[in-house]
Amino acid sequence: MHTVLSIAQKCRFRDEGYLVLPGAVSRAQVTAARHAINHSLGEEGMNKDELPRMRSQTYCREIREDAAISDLANRSSVIPAVESLVGAGNVQTPGGGQIALRFPRAPGEDPGAPRGHLDGLGSGANGIDRGVYNRGFTSLAVVYLCDVPEPNMGNFTVWPGSHLFFAEHLRQNGHEILAEGMPQVELPQGPLQITGQRGDLVIAHHLLVHTAAPNTSSETRYAAIFRLRHKEVESVGLEAFTDLWREWPGVAELDGAPAQ
């Protein structure tokens, strides 16, 4: 499957740090993934004590590497679209994905404002110890497995342009400050809750601030998240925190092209 992004799409990704591609994954693949997830929930259930870990890592851990999940990335437009940004053949094949569910809040509960984060900063609950940070992937690829037509439905939420802000912030202060947790700074733009349909793809830079919005609807939000790695992610390592486009030749080649 071949997906080539336009110059306008690449410029949008460069400037905003994310890109939405409608219909990147087929409805049949979405249905297969939903079937596998719902079967897991019904058979394996959820231990209440494990819910914080599940929210930050994955639900349905035992199926995250099943074909119904991995095919969402490996047999769709997801990898070709990301390779249009990071270079053909540069994305390592993911073995599995995060099953990201957001269940409805209690009726009438005040959802509050979304609170963003960067991945890889240790909280204890996310599988990384407090005081530890890493940079283990290049791009987020978020596949909606349900329709998310309105805000506050558990939407994948981004702070546009925050990747540019943080690259400069870390150049000035050193990426070592990430060991203290998420920096409390004022970002250039507020949160944007992404609406869409099942099968839509959101590509996001690893340095883009993001979160899942509260879900005040009556429906569970289903999504699969893949943390895609450039083949040189290990050798580049923490340098990518300040060398923003080191692993993104499809963006670097724009060479100052204006937004379109």
Protein backbone atom coordinates (compact mmCIF):
# COMPACT_ATOMS: atom_id res chain seq x y z
CA MET A 1 0.00 0.00 0.00
CA HIS A 2 1.46 3.32 -1.10
CA THR A 3 0.63 6.63 0.58
CA VAL A 4 2.44 9.82 -0.38
CA LEU A 5 1.68 12.95 1.58
CA SER A 6 1.41 16.26 -0.24
CA ILE A 7 3.73 19.19 0.40
CA ALA A 8 0.82 20.96 2.10
CA GLN A 9 0.29 18.01 4.45
CA LYS A 10 4.00 17.85 5.28
CA CYS A 11 4.08 21.59 5.97
CA ARG A 12 1.07 21.25 8.24
CA PHE A 13 2.80 18.47 10.16
CA ARG A 14 6.00 20.53 10.40
CA ASP A 15 4.16 23.54 11.81
CA GLU A 16 1.49 21.87 13.95
CA GLY A 17 3.23 18.61 14.94
CA TYR A 18 0.34 16.37 13.95
CA LEU A 19 -1.68 15.33 10.90
CA VAL A 20 -5.10 13.70 10.52
CA LEU A 21 -5.62 11.23 7.67
CA PRO A 22 -9.27 10.15 7.33
CA GLY A 23 -9.98 6.54 6.41
CA ALA A 24 -6.39 5.30 6.64
CA VAL A 25 -7.57 1.97 8.07
CA SER A 26 -10.40 -0.07 6.55
CA ARG A 27 -13.72 -0.59 8.30
CA ALA A 28 -13.16 -4.37 8.13
CA GLN A 29 -9.88 -4.02 10.05
CA VAL A 30 -11.52 -1.77 12.62
CA THR A 31 -14.32 -4.31 13.10
CA ALA A 32 -11.80 -7.14 13.57
CA ALA A 33 -9.92 -5.13 16.19
CA ARG A 34 -13.12 -4.21 18.04
CA HIS A 35 -14.19 -7.87 18.02
CA ALA A 36 -10.87 -8.95 19.56
CA ILE A 37 -10.98 -6.21 22.19
CA ASN A 38 -14.58 -6.87 23.22
CA HIS A 39 -13.94 -10.62 23.44
CA SER A 40 -10.93 -9.94 25.68
CA LEU A 41 -12.94 -7.64 27.94
CA GLY A 42 -15.66 -10.25 28.27
CA GLU A 43 -13.35 -13.20 28.87
CA GLU A 44 -10.42 -11.68 30.78
CA GLY A 45 -12.21 -8.80 32.47
CA MET A 46 -10.49 -5.97 34.31
CA ASN A 47 -9.00 -5.96 37.79
CA LYS A 48 -9.90 -2.64 39.43
CA ASP A 49 -6.47 -2.43 41.07
CA GLU A 50 -4.90 -2.63 37.60
CA LEU A 51 -6.94 0.20 36.07
CA PRO A 52 -4.32 2.97 36.57
CA ARG A 53 -1.73 0.82 34.78
CA MET A 54 -4.17 -0.08 32.02
CA ARG A 55 -5.04 3.57 31.41
CA SER A 56 -1.39 4.58 31.05
CA GLN A 57 -0.05 1.44 29.32
CA THR A 58 -2.67 -0.75 27.64
CA TYR A 59 -5.90 -2.60 28.13
CA CYS A 60 -6.25 -6.21 26.95
CA ARG A 61 -2.53 -6.82 27.24
CA GLU A 62 -2.81 -10.43 26.08
CA ILE A 63 -4.00 -9.45 22.57
CA ARG A 64 -1.90 -6.34 21.90
CA GLU A 65 0.37 -8.34 19.55
CA ASP A 66 -2.44 -10.27 17.84
CA ALA A 67 -2.89 -9.77 14.11
CA ALA A 68 -6.23 -8.02 14.69
CA ILE A 69 -4.28 -5.22 16.40
CA SER A 70 -0.90 -5.21 14.63
CA ASP A 71 -2.54 -5.33 11.17
CA LEU A 72 -4.07 -1.91 11.87
CA ALA A 73 -0.56 -0.54 11.30
CA ASN A 74 1.17 -3.21 9.25
CA ARG A 75 -1.54 -3.89 6.65
CA SER A 76 -2.96 -0.43 6.10
CA SER A 77 -1.91 3.07 5.05
CA VAL A 78 -0.40 3.81 8.47
CA ILE A 79 3.24 2.82 7.88
CA PRO A 80 3.40 4.23 4.31
CA ALA A 81 1.99 7.55 5.54
CA VAL A 82 4.56 7.82 8.32
CA GLU A 83 7.36 6.77 5.95
CA SER A 84 6.37 9.67 3.71
CA LEU A 85 7.64 11.81 6.60
CA VAL A 86 10.53 9.73 7.98
CA GLY A 87 11.73 8.11 4.75
CA ALA A 88 10.90 4.91 2.89
CA GLY A 89 12.07 1.82 4.73
CA ASN A 90 12.97 3.77 7.87
CA VAL A 91 10.11 2.60 10.12
CA GLN A 92 10.63 -0.53 12.17
CA THR A 93 7.69 -2.93 11.90
CA PRO A 94 5.72 -2.69 15.16
CA GLY A 95 5.05 -5.96 16.93
CA GLY A 96 1.88 -4.69 18.54
CA GLY A 97 -0.03 -1.65 19.69
CA GLN A 98 -1.50 -0.03 22.77
CA ILE A 99 -5.20 -0.74 23.19
CA ALA A 100 -6.40 2.64 24.42
CA LEU A 101 -9.91 2.72 25.85
CA ARG A 102 -11.58 5.65 27.54
CA PHE A 103 -14.70 4.75 29.48
CA PRO A 104 -17.49 7.24 30.25
CA ARG A 105 -17.20 9.44 33.31
CA ALA A 106 -19.90 9.26 35.95
CA PRO A 107 -23.08 11.08 34.80
CA GLY A 108 -22.92 14.75 35.69
CA GLU A 109 -19.23 14.68 36.65
CA ASP A 110 -17.30 17.85 35.80
CA PRO A 111 -14.72 16.73 33.21
CA GLY A 112 -12.31 19.60 33.82
CA ALA A 113 -9.80 20.74 31.23
CA PRO A 114 -7.52 18.25 29.44
CA ARG A 115 -4.02 17.99 30.90
CA GLY A 116 -1.27 17.18 28.43
CA HIS A 117 1.94 15.21 28.73
CA LEU A 118 4.96 13.96 26.83
CA ASP A 119 5.51 10.22 26.60
CA GLY A 120 8.55 8.64 28.21
CA LEU A 121 8.55 10.65 31.45
CA GLY A 122 8.48 8.30 34.42
CA SER A 123 5.38 8.40 36.63
CA GLY A 124 5.62 4.93 38.16
CA ALA A 125 2.22 3.94 36.75
CA ASN A 126 3.37 4.09 33.12
CA GLY A 127 6.06 1.43 33.47
CA ILE A 128 8.87 3.98 33.92
CA ASP A 129 10.23 4.86 37.36
CA ARG A 130 9.90 8.43 38.62
CA GLY A 131 13.01 10.46 37.85
CA VAL A 132 13.68 8.48 34.66
CA TYR A 133 12.94 9.64 31.12
CA ASN A 134 13.56 8.18 27.69
CA ARG A 135 12.83 8.75 24.04
CA GLY A 136 11.91 5.34 22.69
CA PHE A 137 9.94 6.21 19.54
CA THR A 138 9.73 8.66 16.65
CA SER A 139 6.04 9.04 15.90
CA LEU A 140 2.69 8.31 17.47
CA ALA A 141 0.13 6.74 15.15
CA VAL A 142 -3.35 6.83 16.67
CA VAL A 143 -6.12 4.86 14.95
CA TYR A 144 -9.69 5.63 15.96
CA LEU A 145 -11.69 2.41 16.33
CA CYS A 146 -14.98 4.23 16.86
CA ASP A 147 -16.59 7.46 15.74
CA VAL A 148 -15.61 10.46 17.84
CA PRO A 149 -17.86 13.20 16.43
CA GLU A 150 -17.79 15.71 19.30
CA PRO A 151 -15.41 17.00 21.99
CA ASN A 152 -15.26 15.36 25.41
CA MET A 153 -15.70 11.86 24.01
CA GLY A 154 -12.22 10.72 24.99
CA ASN A 155 -10.76 12.42 21.91
CA PHE A 156 -7.06 12.22 21.18
CA THR A 157 -6.06 15.76 22.12
CA VAL A 158 -3.01 17.75 21.01
CA TRP A 159 -1.41 21.09 21.76
CA PRO A 160 -0.56 22.32 18.24
CA GLY A 161 2.97 23.66 17.84
CA SER A 162 4.11 22.38 21.24
CA HIS A 163 6.79 20.24 19.56
CA LEU A 164 8.51 23.41 18.32
CA PHE A 165 8.16 25.05 21.72
CA PHE A 166 9.65 22.09 23.58
CA ALA A 167 12.54 21.61 21.17
CA GLU A 168 13.61 25.20 21.88
CA HIS A 169 12.84 24.91 25.61
CA LEU A 170 15.03 21.82 25.91
CA ARG A 171 17.81 23.39 23.85
CA GLN A 172 17.90 26.27 26.32
CA ASN A 173 17.48 24.26 29.53
CA GLY A 174 18.79 20.80 28.64
CA HIS A 175 16.65 17.70 28.24
CA GLU A 176 17.82 16.62 31.70
CA ILE A 177 14.98 18.70 33.17
CA LEU A 178 12.60 15.97 31.99
CA ALA A 179 13.84 13.81 34.87
CA GLU A 180 11.77 16.13 37.09
CA GLY A 181 8.58 15.22 35.22
CA MET A 182 6.41 17.19 32.83
CA PRO A 183 7.63 20.82 32.72
CA GLN A 184 5.00 23.28 33.91
CA VAL A 185 5.14 25.86 31.14
CA GLU A 186 2.72 28.00 29.16
CA LEU A 187 2.30 26.52 25.69
CA PRO A 188 1.77 28.65 22.57
CA GLN A 189 -1.68 27.15 21.87
CA GLY A 190 -4.35 25.49 23.95
CA PRO A 191 -5.61 21.92 23.55
CA LEU A 192 -7.36 20.74 20.39
CA GLN A 193 -9.66 17.73 20.72
CA ILE A 194 -9.54 15.78 17.45
CA THR A 195 -12.89 14.58 16.15
CA GLY A 196 -13.17 11.87 13.53
CA GLN A 197 -14.53 8.54 12.41
CA ARG A 198 -13.48 4.94 12.89
CA GLY A 199 -10.48 4.21 10.68
CA ASP A 200 -9.08 7.74 10.87
CA LEU A 201 -5.37 8.11 11.65
CA VAL A 202 -3.58 10.80 13.64
CA ILE A 203 0.20 11.04 13.20
CA ALA A 204 1.96 13.01 15.94
CA HIS A 205 5.59 13.97 16.59
CA HIS A 206 7.10 12.37 19.70
CA LEU A 207 7.67 15.83 21.20
CA LEU A 208 4.06 16.98 20.75
CA VAL A 209 2.13 17.43 24.00
CA HIS A 210 -0.99 15.25 23.95
CA THR A 211 -3.55 13.43 26.07
CA ALA A 212 -6.95 11.76 25.93
CA ALA A 213 -9.81 14.16 26.60
CA PRO A 214 -12.37 13.33 29.28
CA ASN A 215 -15.22 11.15 28.08
CA THR A 216 -18.57 12.55 29.18
CA SER A 217 -20.50 10.64 26.52
CA SER A 218 -22.39 7.39 27.09
CA GLU A 219 -20.04 5.42 24.81
CA THR A 220 -16.57 3.94 25.31
CA ARG A 221 -13.86 5.48 23.15
CA TYR A 222 -11.86 2.79 21.32
CA ALA A 223 -8.44 3.48 19.78
CA ALA A 224 -5.16 1.73 19.03
CA ILE A 225 -1.90 3.61 19.46
CA PHE A 226 1.38 2.64 17.83
CA ARG A 227 4.68 4.17 18.87
CA LEU A 228 6.62 3.90 15.64
CA ARG A 229 10.40 3.83 15.71
CA HIS A 230 12.87 5.06 13.11
CA LYS A 231 15.45 2.37 12.38
CA GLU A 232 18.12 4.61 13.96
CA VAL A 233 16.08 5.52 17.05
CA GLU A 234 18.56 3.86 19.42
CA SER A 235 21.64 5.58 18.00
CA VAL A 236 19.95 8.99 17.82
CA GLY A 237 18.57 8.54 21.33
CA LEU A 238 18.03 11.64 23.45
CA GLU A 239 19.51 13.95 20.81
CA ALA A 240 16.09 13.93 19.11
CA PHE A 241 14.70 16.02 21.96
CA THR A 242 16.58 19.03 20.60
CA ASP A 243 17.33 17.95 17.00
CA LEU A 244 13.66 17.97 16.07
CA TRP A 245 13.79 16.63 12.49
CA ARG A 246 16.78 14.29 12.81
CA GLU A 247 14.60 11.27 12.00
CA TRP A 248 12.24 13.09 9.62
CA PRO A 249 13.90 13.60 6.21
CA GLY A 250 10.51 14.07 4.56
CA VAL A 251 10.04 17.17 6.72
CA ALA A 252 13.64 18.37 6.74
CA GLU A 253 13.63 18.50 2.93
CA LEU A 254 10.92 21.17 2.98
CA ASP A 255 13.74 23.64 3.70
CA GLY A 256 11.61 26.51 4.96
CA ALA A 257 8.73 26.04 2.53
CA PRO A 258 5.82 28.28 3.62
CA ALA A 259 2.64 26.78 5.03
CA GLN A 260 0.15 26.04 2.27
